[in-house]
């Protein structure tokens, strides 16, 4: 089973309280270092977004019956977060005030975007990064642009490859990929996995 949740930053969100809460839940020195690295960022919005996404991850783990205590969070060479001591696969994403999380037994990727892209930039970006059938799909409706973009981002995260590799390899209409696009409030979300199974989606 694949579990997905989306949410929005609360106005009362506290960086310090949330960081301590997460450290107490995971109860792992290695994960403490992971969280401390988030806290060391210069961008306060990035800190809030990442901690909020980790909150969503904990919620999903509990929904799936997985105990978070002792789990070790690390990052790969391409900056993909993963559990070093668990078979649970997950992916996190955030944009603006929104975040999205997914957990699964197989490799998985998720992306959420809130930005509105002007028509002229849609055409320029599509010609540079999208395949011909994807360009045609986007030209029919500018909303389709974020569907393709988020799918390619999710594909990149799933395979833990660079953006350049992911955008070149990913085929939005390819039969080997399972893409699930949906909207959460004003955000566009895409899930990518090779495992075709039921997906439970929750709004936090």
N, C-alpha and C. Protein backbone atom coordinates (compact mmCIF):
# COMPACT_ATOMS: atom_id res chain seq x y z
N UNK A 1 0.84 -1.20 0.00
CA UNK A 1 0.00 0.00 0.00
C UNK A 1 0.87 1.25 0.00
N UNK A 2 0.48 2.25 -0.75
CA UNK A 2 1.18 3.53 -0.79
C UNK A 2 0.33 4.58 -0.08
N UNK A 3 0.96 5.36 0.77
CA UNK A 3 0.26 6.37 1.56
C UNK A 3 0.80 7.76 1.21
N UNK A 4 -0.11 8.69 0.95
CA UNK A 4 0.25 10.06 0.60
C UNK A 4 -0.49 11.03 1.51
N UNK A 5 0.19 12.09 1.92
CA UNK A 5 -0.51 13.14 2.66
C UNK A 5 -0.03 14.50 2.17
N UNK A 6 -0.93 15.46 2.21
CA UNK A 6 -0.62 16.85 1.85
C UNK A 6 -1.11 17.75 2.96
N UNK A 7 -0.44 18.86 3.14
CA UNK A 7 -0.84 19.79 4.19
C UNK A 7 -0.32 21.18 3.93
N UNK A 8 -0.66 22.06 4.85
CA UNK A 8 -0.27 23.46 4.74
C UNK A 8 0.29 23.93 6.08
N UNK A 9 1.33 24.76 6.02
CA UNK A 9 1.94 25.28 7.24
C UNK A 9 0.92 26.05 8.06
N UNK A 10 0.90 25.76 9.35
CA UNK A 10 0.01 26.45 10.27
C UNK A 10 0.65 27.76 10.71
N UNK A 11 -0.18 28.77 10.92
CA UNK A 11 0.34 30.08 11.33
C UNK A 11 1.06 30.01 12.68
N UNK A 12 0.68 29.05 13.50
CA UNK A 12 1.27 28.93 14.84
C UNK A 12 2.49 28.00 14.86
N UNK A 13 2.98 27.61 13.68
CA UNK A 13 4.09 26.68 13.58
C UNK A 13 5.33 27.21 14.29
N UNK A 14 5.93 26.40 15.14
CA UNK A 14 7.14 26.77 15.87
C UNK A 14 8.30 25.88 15.43
N UNK A 15 9.36 26.49 14.93
CA UNK A 15 10.54 25.74 14.48
C UNK A 15 11.17 24.99 15.64
N UNK A 16 11.40 25.67 16.74
CA UNK A 16 12.07 25.05 17.89
C UNK A 16 11.26 23.89 18.45
N UNK A 17 9.98 24.12 18.68
CA UNK A 17 9.12 23.08 19.26
C UNK A 17 9.01 21.88 18.34
N UNK A 18 8.88 22.14 17.05
CA UNK A 18 8.73 21.05 16.09
C UNK A 18 10.01 20.23 15.99
N UNK A 19 11.16 20.90 15.99
CA UNK A 19 12.45 20.19 15.92
C UNK A 19 12.64 19.29 17.14
N UNK A 20 12.33 19.81 18.31
CA UNK A 20 12.47 19.01 19.53
C UNK A 20 11.48 17.85 19.54
N UNK A 21 10.28 18.11 19.07
CA UNK A 21 9.25 17.07 18.99
C UNK A 21 9.72 15.92 18.09
N UNK A 22 10.26 16.27 16.93
CA UNK A 22 10.72 15.25 15.98
C UNK A 22 11.91 14.47 16.53
N UNK A 23 12.82 15.16 17.19
CA UNK A 23 13.98 14.48 17.77
C UNK A 23 13.54 13.48 18.83
N UNK A 24 12.58 13.87 19.64
CA UNK A 24 12.08 12.97 20.69
C UNK A 24 11.36 11.76 20.10
N UNK A 25 10.68 11.97 18.97
CA UNK A 25 9.96 10.86 18.33
C UNK A 25 10.91 9.85 17.72
N UNK A 26 11.87 10.34 16.93
CA UNK A 26 12.79 9.43 16.25
C UNK A 26 13.80 8.82 17.22
N UNK A 27 14.20 9.60 18.21
CA UNK A 27 15.09 9.10 19.27
C UNK A 27 16.32 8.40 18.67
N UNK A 28 16.99 9.09 17.75
CA UNK A 28 18.17 8.55 17.08
C UNK A 28 19.19 9.67 16.91
N UNK A 29 20.42 9.44 17.34
CA UNK A 29 21.45 10.47 17.23
C UNK A 29 21.72 10.85 15.78
N UNK A 30 21.70 9.86 14.89
CA UNK A 30 21.93 10.16 13.47
C UNK A 30 20.82 11.03 12.91
N UNK A 31 19.58 10.76 13.32
CA UNK A 31 18.46 11.57 12.85
C UNK A 31 18.51 12.97 13.47
N UNK A 32 19.00 13.07 14.70
CA UNK A 32 19.19 14.39 15.32
C UNK A 32 20.11 15.25 14.45
N UNK A 33 21.17 14.64 13.92
CA UNK A 33 22.10 15.36 13.05
C UNK A 33 21.41 15.81 11.77
N UNK A 34 20.55 14.95 11.25
CA UNK A 34 19.79 15.27 10.05
C UNK A 34 18.92 16.51 10.30
N UNK A 35 18.24 16.52 11.42
CA UNK A 35 17.38 17.66 11.77
C UNK A 35 18.20 18.91 12.06
N UNK A 36 19.36 18.75 12.72
CA UNK A 36 20.23 19.89 12.99
C UNK A 36 20.74 20.52 11.70
N UNK A 37 20.98 19.70 10.69
CA UNK A 37 21.40 20.23 9.39
C UNK A 37 20.31 21.08 8.77
N UNK A 38 19.06 20.67 8.96
CA UNK A 38 17.94 21.49 8.48
C UNK A 38 17.91 22.82 9.22
N UNK A 39 18.10 22.77 10.52
CA UNK A 39 18.07 23.98 11.34
C UNK A 39 19.21 24.94 11.01
N UNK A 40 20.29 24.44 10.43
CA UNK A 40 21.45 25.29 10.13
C UNK A 40 21.29 26.07 8.82
N UNK A 41 20.22 25.82 8.09
CA UNK A 41 20.01 26.54 6.83
C UNK A 41 19.80 28.03 7.09
N UNK A 42 20.17 28.84 6.11
CA UNK A 42 20.04 30.29 6.24
C UNK A 42 18.62 30.77 5.94
N UNK A 43 17.90 29.99 5.14
CA UNK A 43 16.54 30.38 4.74
C UNK A 43 15.52 29.87 5.75
N UNK A 44 14.88 30.76 6.52
CA UNK A 44 13.91 30.32 7.53
C UNK A 44 12.70 29.61 6.94
N UNK A 45 12.30 30.00 5.73
CA UNK A 45 11.16 29.35 5.09
C UNK A 45 11.49 27.90 4.75
N UNK A 46 12.71 27.66 4.29
CA UNK A 46 13.15 26.30 3.96
C UNK A 46 13.16 25.42 5.20
N UNK A 47 13.56 25.98 6.33
CA UNK A 47 13.57 25.24 7.59
C UNK A 47 12.15 24.82 7.97
N UNK A 48 11.23 25.77 7.92
CA UNK A 48 9.84 25.48 8.27
C UNK A 48 9.24 24.42 7.34
N UNK A 49 9.48 24.58 6.04
CA UNK A 49 8.93 23.65 5.06
C UNK A 49 9.42 22.22 5.30
N UNK A 50 10.72 22.08 5.54
CA UNK A 50 11.29 20.74 5.72
C UNK A 50 10.81 20.08 7.00
N UNK A 51 10.74 20.85 8.08
CA UNK A 51 10.26 20.30 9.35
C UNK A 51 8.79 19.91 9.26
N UNK A 52 8.03 20.73 8.55
CA UNK A 52 6.61 20.44 8.39
C UNK A 52 6.42 19.16 7.56
N UNK A 53 7.25 18.98 6.54
CA UNK A 53 7.18 17.77 5.73
C UNK A 53 7.55 16.54 6.56
N UNK A 54 8.53 16.68 7.46
CA UNK A 54 8.90 15.57 8.34
C UNK A 54 7.75 15.23 9.29
N UNK A 55 7.02 16.24 9.71
CA UNK A 55 5.82 16.00 10.54
C UNK A 55 4.83 15.14 9.77
N UNK A 56 4.65 15.47 8.50
CA UNK A 56 3.75 14.68 7.65
C UNK A 56 4.24 13.26 7.49
N UNK A 57 5.56 13.10 7.39
CA UNK A 57 6.14 11.76 7.27
C UNK A 57 5.84 10.91 8.50
N UNK A 58 5.99 11.51 9.67
CA UNK A 58 5.68 10.79 10.91
C UNK A 58 4.22 10.36 10.93
N UNK A 59 3.35 11.26 10.51
CA UNK A 59 1.92 10.95 10.49
C UNK A 59 1.64 9.76 9.57
N UNK A 60 2.29 9.74 8.40
CA UNK A 60 2.10 8.63 7.46
C UNK A 60 2.64 7.32 8.01
N UNK A 61 3.79 7.37 8.64
CA UNK A 61 4.37 6.15 9.22
C UNK A 61 3.41 5.54 10.22
N UNK A 62 2.83 6.38 11.06
CA UNK A 62 1.90 5.88 12.07
C UNK A 62 0.63 5.34 11.41
N UNK A 63 0.18 6.00 10.35
CA UNK A 63 -1.01 5.54 9.64
C UNK A 63 -0.76 4.16 9.03
N UNK A 64 0.49 3.91 8.62
CA UNK A 64 0.85 2.63 8.02
C UNK A 64 1.27 1.59 9.06
N UNK A 65 1.24 1.98 10.33
CA UNK A 65 1.61 1.05 11.39
C UNK A 65 3.10 0.86 11.57
N UNK A 66 3.90 1.85 11.15
CA UNK A 66 5.36 1.79 11.27
C UNK A 66 5.81 2.68 12.43
N UNK A 67 6.60 2.14 13.33
CA UNK A 67 7.11 2.90 14.46
C UNK A 67 8.30 3.74 14.02
N UNK A 68 8.27 5.03 14.30
CA UNK A 68 9.33 5.93 13.86
C UNK A 68 10.55 5.92 14.79
N UNK A 69 10.36 5.46 16.02
CA UNK A 69 11.44 5.49 17.00
C UNK A 69 12.65 4.68 16.54
N UNK A 70 13.81 5.31 16.52
CA UNK A 70 15.04 4.63 16.14
C UNK A 70 15.35 4.67 14.66
N UNK A 71 14.44 5.16 13.83
CA UNK A 71 14.70 5.24 12.41
C UNK A 71 15.81 6.27 12.14
N UNK A 72 16.71 5.93 11.23
CA UNK A 72 17.85 6.78 10.93
C UNK A 72 17.64 7.48 9.59
N UNK A 73 17.54 8.80 9.63
CA UNK A 73 17.37 9.59 8.42
C UNK A 73 18.73 10.01 7.88
N UNK A 74 18.93 9.79 6.58
CA UNK A 74 20.14 10.22 5.92
C UNK A 74 19.80 10.79 4.55
N UNK A 75 20.82 11.35 3.87
CA UNK A 75 20.65 11.85 2.51
C UNK A 75 21.65 11.18 1.58
N UNK A 76 21.20 10.90 0.36
CA UNK A 76 22.07 10.29 -0.64
C UNK A 76 22.99 11.35 -1.25
N UNK A 77 23.84 10.92 -2.16
CA UNK A 77 24.74 11.85 -2.85
C UNK A 77 23.98 12.90 -3.64
N UNK A 78 22.76 12.55 -4.10
CA UNK A 78 21.92 13.50 -4.84
C UNK A 78 20.92 14.20 -3.93
N UNK A 79 21.14 14.08 -2.61
CA UNK A 79 20.35 14.79 -1.61
C UNK A 79 18.97 14.20 -1.37
N UNK A 80 18.78 12.94 -1.76
CA UNK A 80 17.49 12.30 -1.50
C UNK A 80 17.46 11.75 -0.07
N UNK A 81 16.46 12.12 0.72
CA UNK A 81 16.37 11.56 2.08
C UNK A 81 15.91 10.11 2.06
N UNK A 82 16.43 9.32 2.98
CA UNK A 82 16.05 7.91 3.06
C UNK A 82 16.30 7.39 4.47
N UNK A 83 15.68 6.25 4.77
CA UNK A 83 15.93 5.58 6.05
C UNK A 83 17.07 4.59 5.86
N UNK A 84 18.11 4.73 6.67
CA UNK A 84 19.28 3.86 6.55
C UNK A 84 19.03 2.48 7.15
N UNK A 85 18.00 2.36 7.97
CA UNK A 85 17.77 1.08 8.68
C UNK A 85 16.34 0.58 8.54
N UNK A 86 15.70 0.88 7.40
CA UNK A 86 14.32 0.43 7.19
C UNK A 86 14.05 0.24 5.71
N UNK A 87 13.18 -0.71 5.39
CA UNK A 87 12.79 -0.95 4.01
C UNK A 87 11.71 -0.01 3.53
N UNK A 88 11.21 0.84 4.40
CA UNK A 88 10.18 1.81 4.02
C UNK A 88 10.81 2.88 3.13
N UNK A 89 10.22 3.10 1.97
CA UNK A 89 10.69 4.14 1.05
C UNK A 89 9.78 5.36 1.18
N UNK A 90 10.35 6.53 1.04
CA UNK A 90 9.53 7.73 1.15
C UNK A 90 10.09 8.85 0.30
N UNK A 91 9.27 9.87 0.11
CA UNK A 91 9.68 11.06 -0.62
C UNK A 91 8.95 12.26 -0.02
N UNK A 92 9.62 13.40 -0.01
CA UNK A 92 9.06 14.63 0.56
C UNK A 92 9.15 15.75 -0.46
N UNK A 93 8.22 16.68 -0.38
CA UNK A 93 8.27 17.85 -1.24
C UNK A 93 7.56 19.01 -0.56
N UNK A 94 7.98 20.21 -0.91
CA UNK A 94 7.29 21.40 -0.38
C UNK A 94 7.41 22.55 -1.37
N UNK A 95 6.43 23.41 -1.34
CA UNK A 95 6.41 24.58 -2.21
C UNK A 95 5.54 25.65 -1.56
N UNK A 96 6.12 26.81 -1.32
CA UNK A 96 5.36 27.85 -0.63
C UNK A 96 4.94 27.38 0.74
N UNK A 97 3.65 27.48 1.05
CA UNK A 97 3.13 27.05 2.35
C UNK A 97 2.66 25.60 2.35
N UNK A 98 2.88 24.87 1.27
CA UNK A 98 2.35 23.51 1.15
C UNK A 98 3.46 22.46 1.20
N UNK A 99 3.09 21.26 1.64
CA UNK A 99 4.03 20.15 1.63
C UNK A 99 3.29 18.87 1.23
N UNK A 100 4.06 17.89 0.78
CA UNK A 100 3.49 16.59 0.40
C UNK A 100 4.48 15.50 0.78
N UNK A 101 3.96 14.35 1.22
CA UNK A 101 4.79 13.21 1.62
C UNK A 101 4.18 11.93 1.07
N UNK A 102 5.03 10.94 0.84
CA UNK A 102 4.57 9.63 0.41
C UNK A 102 5.47 8.57 1.01
N UNK A 103 4.89 7.44 1.42
CA UNK A 103 5.66 6.28 1.85
C UNK A 103 5.15 5.07 1.09
N UNK A 104 6.06 4.12 0.86
CA UNK A 104 5.70 2.92 0.10
C UNK A 104 6.73 1.83 0.38
N UNK A 105 6.43 0.64 -0.06
CA UNK A 105 7.38 -0.47 0.06
C UNK A 105 8.35 -0.48 -1.12
N UNK A 106 8.07 0.32 -2.14
CA UNK A 106 8.93 0.41 -3.32
C UNK A 106 9.42 1.84 -3.49
N UNK A 107 10.45 2.02 -4.31
CA UNK A 107 10.95 3.37 -4.56
C UNK A 107 9.82 4.25 -5.09
N UNK A 108 9.80 5.48 -4.61
CA UNK A 108 8.69 6.36 -4.92
C UNK A 108 9.18 7.81 -4.89
N UNK A 109 8.50 8.66 -5.63
CA UNK A 109 8.85 10.08 -5.64
C UNK A 109 7.59 10.92 -5.64
N UNK A 110 7.68 12.11 -5.04
CA UNK A 110 6.52 13.01 -5.02
C UNK A 110 7.00 14.44 -5.20
N UNK A 111 6.17 15.25 -5.83
CA UNK A 111 6.50 16.67 -6.00
C UNK A 111 5.22 17.48 -5.90
N UNK A 112 5.35 18.66 -5.29
CA UNK A 112 4.22 19.59 -5.15
C UNK A 112 4.69 20.97 -5.60
N UNK A 113 3.88 21.65 -6.37
CA UNK A 113 4.21 22.97 -6.88
C UNK A 113 3.02 23.91 -6.74
N UNK A 114 3.31 25.15 -6.36
CA UNK A 114 2.25 26.15 -6.21
C UNK A 114 2.42 27.32 -7.17
N UNK A 115 3.56 27.40 -7.83
CA UNK A 115 3.86 28.56 -8.66
C UNK A 115 3.01 28.58 -9.93
N UNK A 116 2.57 29.77 -10.29
CA UNK A 116 1.85 29.96 -11.53
C UNK A 116 2.86 30.45 -12.58
N UNK A 117 3.01 29.71 -13.66
CA UNK A 117 4.00 30.04 -14.67
C UNK A 117 3.34 30.79 -15.83
N UNK A 118 3.85 31.98 -16.20
CA UNK A 118 3.29 32.74 -17.32
C UNK A 118 3.35 31.96 -18.62
N UNK A 119 2.42 32.23 -19.52
CA UNK A 119 2.30 31.50 -20.78
C UNK A 119 3.59 31.53 -21.58
N UNK A 120 4.25 32.70 -21.66
CA UNK A 120 5.47 32.79 -22.47
C UNK A 120 6.58 31.90 -21.91
N UNK A 121 6.66 31.79 -20.57
CA UNK A 121 7.67 30.94 -19.96
C UNK A 121 7.31 29.46 -20.10
N UNK A 122 6.00 29.18 -20.08
CA UNK A 122 5.55 27.80 -20.28
C UNK A 122 6.06 27.27 -21.62
N UNK A 123 5.93 28.08 -22.66
CA UNK A 123 6.37 27.66 -23.99
C UNK A 123 7.88 27.49 -24.06
N UNK A 124 8.62 28.41 -23.46
CA UNK A 124 10.08 28.33 -23.50
C UNK A 124 10.59 27.11 -22.74
N UNK A 125 10.03 26.90 -21.54
CA UNK A 125 10.47 25.77 -20.71
C UNK A 125 10.08 24.44 -21.36
N UNK A 126 8.88 24.40 -21.93
CA UNK A 126 8.40 23.17 -22.56
C UNK A 126 9.29 22.76 -23.72
N UNK A 127 9.67 23.73 -24.55
CA UNK A 127 10.52 23.43 -25.70
C UNK A 127 11.89 22.94 -25.27
N UNK A 128 12.35 23.43 -24.13
CA UNK A 128 13.69 23.07 -23.67
C UNK A 128 13.72 21.71 -22.96
N UNK A 129 12.67 21.41 -22.17
CA UNK A 129 12.73 20.24 -21.30
C UNK A 129 11.75 19.13 -21.64
N UNK A 130 10.70 19.40 -22.42
CA UNK A 130 9.66 18.41 -22.66
C UNK A 130 9.79 17.76 -24.03
N UNK A 131 9.32 16.51 -24.11
CA UNK A 131 9.28 15.80 -25.38
C UNK A 131 8.14 16.35 -26.23
N UNK A 132 8.12 16.02 -27.51
CA UNK A 132 7.16 16.61 -28.45
C UNK A 132 5.71 16.36 -28.05
N UNK A 133 5.40 15.12 -27.61
CA UNK A 133 4.01 14.85 -27.22
C UNK A 133 3.66 15.56 -25.92
N UNK A 134 4.64 15.75 -25.07
CA UNK A 134 4.41 16.51 -23.82
C UNK A 134 4.18 17.98 -24.14
N UNK A 135 4.92 18.51 -25.10
CA UNK A 135 4.74 19.90 -25.51
C UNK A 135 3.33 20.11 -26.06
N UNK A 136 2.87 19.16 -26.86
CA UNK A 136 1.53 19.25 -27.43
C UNK A 136 0.47 19.22 -26.34
N UNK A 137 0.68 18.38 -25.35
CA UNK A 137 -0.24 18.26 -24.22
C UNK A 137 -0.31 19.57 -23.44
N UNK A 138 0.83 20.19 -23.23
CA UNK A 138 0.90 21.45 -22.48
C UNK A 138 0.28 22.60 -23.27
N UNK A 139 0.45 22.59 -24.60
CA UNK A 139 -0.05 23.69 -25.42
C UNK A 139 -1.57 23.78 -25.41
N UNK A 140 -2.24 22.66 -25.11
CA UNK A 140 -3.70 22.64 -25.08
C UNK A 140 -4.26 23.33 -23.84
N UNK A 141 -3.50 23.30 -22.76
CA UNK A 141 -3.97 23.87 -21.50
C UNK A 141 -2.76 24.13 -20.61
N UNK A 142 -2.57 25.37 -20.20
CA UNK A 142 -1.38 25.71 -19.41
C UNK A 142 -1.36 24.98 -18.06
N UNK A 143 -2.52 24.53 -17.58
CA UNK A 143 -2.54 23.78 -16.33
C UNK A 143 -1.82 22.46 -16.48
N UNK A 144 -1.77 21.97 -17.72
CA UNK A 144 -1.08 20.71 -17.97
C UNK A 144 0.43 20.83 -17.78
N UNK A 145 0.93 22.06 -17.84
CA UNK A 145 2.37 22.27 -17.67
C UNK A 145 2.84 21.75 -16.31
N UNK A 146 2.13 22.13 -15.24
CA UNK A 146 2.53 21.68 -13.91
C UNK A 146 2.32 20.18 -13.73
N UNK A 147 1.38 19.61 -14.44
CA UNK A 147 1.19 18.16 -14.37
C UNK A 147 2.43 17.43 -14.87
N UNK A 148 2.95 17.90 -16.01
CA UNK A 148 4.14 17.27 -16.58
C UNK A 148 5.37 17.59 -15.74
N UNK A 149 5.50 18.85 -15.35
CA UNK A 149 6.67 19.28 -14.57
C UNK A 149 6.78 18.50 -13.25
N UNK A 150 5.68 18.43 -12.50
CA UNK A 150 5.72 17.73 -11.22
C UNK A 150 5.96 16.24 -11.41
N UNK A 151 5.43 15.67 -12.49
CA UNK A 151 5.65 14.25 -12.77
C UNK A 151 7.13 13.98 -13.02
N UNK A 152 7.77 14.86 -13.77
CA UNK A 152 9.20 14.68 -14.05
C UNK A 152 10.04 14.86 -12.79
N UNK A 153 9.65 15.81 -11.94
CA UNK A 153 10.35 16.00 -10.67
C UNK A 153 10.18 14.75 -9.80
N UNK A 154 8.97 14.23 -9.74
CA UNK A 154 8.71 13.03 -8.93
C UNK A 154 9.50 11.84 -9.45
N UNK A 155 9.59 11.72 -10.77
CA UNK A 155 10.35 10.64 -11.41
C UNK A 155 11.83 10.75 -11.02
N UNK A 156 12.36 11.96 -11.05
CA UNK A 156 13.75 12.21 -10.69
C UNK A 156 14.03 11.80 -9.25
N UNK A 157 13.10 12.16 -8.35
CA UNK A 157 13.26 11.81 -6.94
C UNK A 157 13.16 10.30 -6.72
N UNK A 158 12.26 9.66 -7.44
CA UNK A 158 12.08 8.23 -7.29
C UNK A 158 13.37 7.47 -7.61
N UNK A 159 14.03 7.86 -8.70
CA UNK A 159 15.24 7.17 -9.14
C UNK A 159 16.51 7.71 -8.49
N UNK A 160 16.38 8.82 -7.74
CA UNK A 160 17.53 9.43 -7.08
C UNK A 160 18.62 9.78 -8.10
N UNK A 161 18.20 10.52 -9.15
CA UNK A 161 19.13 10.96 -10.18
C UNK A 161 19.07 12.48 -10.27
N UNK A 162 19.93 13.07 -11.07
CA UNK A 162 19.95 14.53 -11.20
C UNK A 162 18.73 15.00 -11.99
N UNK A 163 18.42 16.28 -11.86
CA UNK A 163 17.30 16.84 -12.60
C UNK A 163 17.50 16.71 -14.10
N UNK A 164 18.72 16.96 -14.56
CA UNK A 164 19.01 16.86 -15.99
C UNK A 164 18.75 15.44 -16.50
N UNK A 165 19.18 14.45 -15.73
CA UNK A 165 18.95 13.06 -16.12
C UNK A 165 17.47 12.72 -16.08
N UNK A 166 16.80 13.14 -15.01
CA UNK A 166 15.39 12.82 -14.84
C UNK A 166 14.51 13.41 -15.91
N UNK A 167 14.73 14.68 -16.25
CA UNK A 167 13.89 15.34 -17.24
C UNK A 167 14.14 14.76 -18.63
N UNK A 168 15.35 14.31 -18.88
CA UNK A 168 15.67 13.72 -20.19
C UNK A 168 15.08 12.32 -20.32
N UNK A 169 15.12 11.54 -19.25
CA UNK A 169 14.67 10.15 -19.30
C UNK A 169 13.16 10.00 -19.16
N UNK A 170 12.57 10.85 -18.36
CA UNK A 170 11.15 10.68 -18.01
C UNK A 170 10.23 10.93 -19.20
N UNK A 171 9.33 10.00 -19.41
CA UNK A 171 8.31 10.13 -20.46
C UNK A 171 6.94 10.15 -19.77
N UNK A 172 6.30 11.30 -19.78
CA UNK A 172 5.02 11.47 -19.09
C UNK A 172 3.98 10.48 -19.56
N UNK A 173 4.06 10.10 -20.83
CA UNK A 173 3.09 9.17 -21.41
C UNK A 173 3.63 7.75 -21.53
N UNK A 174 4.80 7.49 -20.94
CA UNK A 174 5.42 6.17 -21.03
C UNK A 174 4.65 5.12 -20.25
N UNK A 175 4.60 3.91 -20.79
CA UNK A 175 3.82 2.83 -20.18
C UNK A 175 4.50 2.25 -18.94
N UNK A 176 5.81 2.49 -18.79
CA UNK A 176 6.55 1.92 -17.66
C UNK A 176 6.37 2.72 -16.38
N UNK A 177 5.85 3.91 -16.49
CA UNK A 177 5.72 4.78 -15.33
C UNK A 177 4.28 4.83 -14.84
N UNK A 178 4.14 4.93 -13.53
CA UNK A 178 2.82 5.14 -12.95
C UNK A 178 2.81 6.53 -12.33
N UNK A 179 2.14 7.46 -13.00
CA UNK A 179 2.01 8.82 -12.50
C UNK A 179 0.60 9.04 -11.98
N UNK A 180 0.52 9.67 -10.84
CA UNK A 180 -0.77 10.07 -10.31
C UNK A 180 -0.72 11.56 -10.05
N UNK A 181 -1.49 12.32 -10.81
CA UNK A 181 -1.57 13.78 -10.63
C UNK A 181 -2.87 14.13 -9.93
N UNK A 182 -2.80 15.06 -9.00
CA UNK A 182 -4.01 15.56 -8.37
C UNK A 182 -3.73 16.95 -7.80
N UNK A 183 -4.79 17.64 -7.45
CA UNK A 183 -4.65 18.99 -6.90
C UNK A 183 -5.00 18.98 -5.41
N UNK A 184 -4.22 19.74 -4.66
CA UNK A 184 -4.50 19.95 -3.24
C UNK A 184 -4.63 21.45 -3.02
N UNK A 185 -5.86 21.89 -2.81
CA UNK A 185 -6.16 23.32 -2.74
C UNK A 185 -5.63 24.00 -4.00
N UNK A 186 -4.64 24.92 -3.88
CA UNK A 186 -4.12 25.61 -5.06
C UNK A 186 -2.83 24.98 -5.59
N UNK A 187 -2.44 23.84 -5.04
CA UNK A 187 -1.18 23.21 -5.43
C UNK A 187 -1.42 22.02 -6.37
N UNK A 188 -0.43 21.76 -7.20
CA UNK A 188 -0.44 20.60 -8.10
C UNK A 188 0.53 19.57 -7.56
N UNK A 189 0.08 18.32 -7.47
CA UNK A 189 0.89 17.25 -6.88
C UNK A 189 1.04 16.11 -7.88
N UNK A 190 2.22 15.49 -7.90
CA UNK A 190 2.44 14.31 -8.73
C UNK A 190 3.17 13.25 -7.93
N UNK A 191 2.71 12.03 -8.08
CA UNK A 191 3.32 10.86 -7.47
C UNK A 191 3.85 9.98 -8.60
N UNK A 192 5.06 9.44 -8.43
CA UNK A 192 5.62 8.56 -9.44
C UNK A 192 6.15 7.30 -8.77
N UNK A 193 5.80 6.14 -9.34
CA UNK A 193 6.28 4.86 -8.83
C UNK A 193 6.16 3.81 -9.93
N UNK A 194 6.94 2.75 -9.82
CA UNK A 194 6.80 1.62 -10.74
C UNK A 194 5.82 0.59 -10.20
N UNK A 195 5.41 0.77 -8.95
CA UNK A 195 4.52 -0.18 -8.28
C UNK A 195 3.08 0.27 -8.44
N UNK A 196 2.32 -0.47 -9.22
CA UNK A 196 0.92 -0.11 -9.44
C UNK A 196 0.05 -0.78 -8.38
N UNK A 197 -0.34 0.01 -7.40
CA UNK A 197 -1.16 -0.51 -6.31
C UNK A 197 -2.06 0.60 -5.81
N UNK A 198 -2.90 0.27 -4.84
CA UNK A 198 -3.81 1.27 -4.28
C UNK A 198 -3.03 2.38 -3.58
N UNK A 199 -3.53 3.59 -3.72
CA UNK A 199 -2.91 4.74 -3.08
C UNK A 199 -3.92 5.41 -2.15
N UNK A 200 -3.55 5.53 -0.90
CA UNK A 200 -4.38 6.24 0.07
C UNK A 200 -3.89 7.68 0.19
N UNK A 201 -4.78 8.64 -0.03
CA UNK A 201 -4.39 10.06 0.02
C UNK A 201 -5.13 10.74 1.17
N UNK A 202 -4.36 11.50 1.96
CA UNK A 202 -4.93 12.18 3.13
C UNK A 202 -4.58 13.67 3.08
N UNK A 203 -5.48 14.48 3.60
CA UNK A 203 -5.24 15.91 3.76
C UNK A 203 -5.07 16.19 5.25
N UNK A 204 -3.95 16.80 5.60
CA UNK A 204 -3.69 17.09 7.01
C UNK A 204 -4.08 18.51 7.36
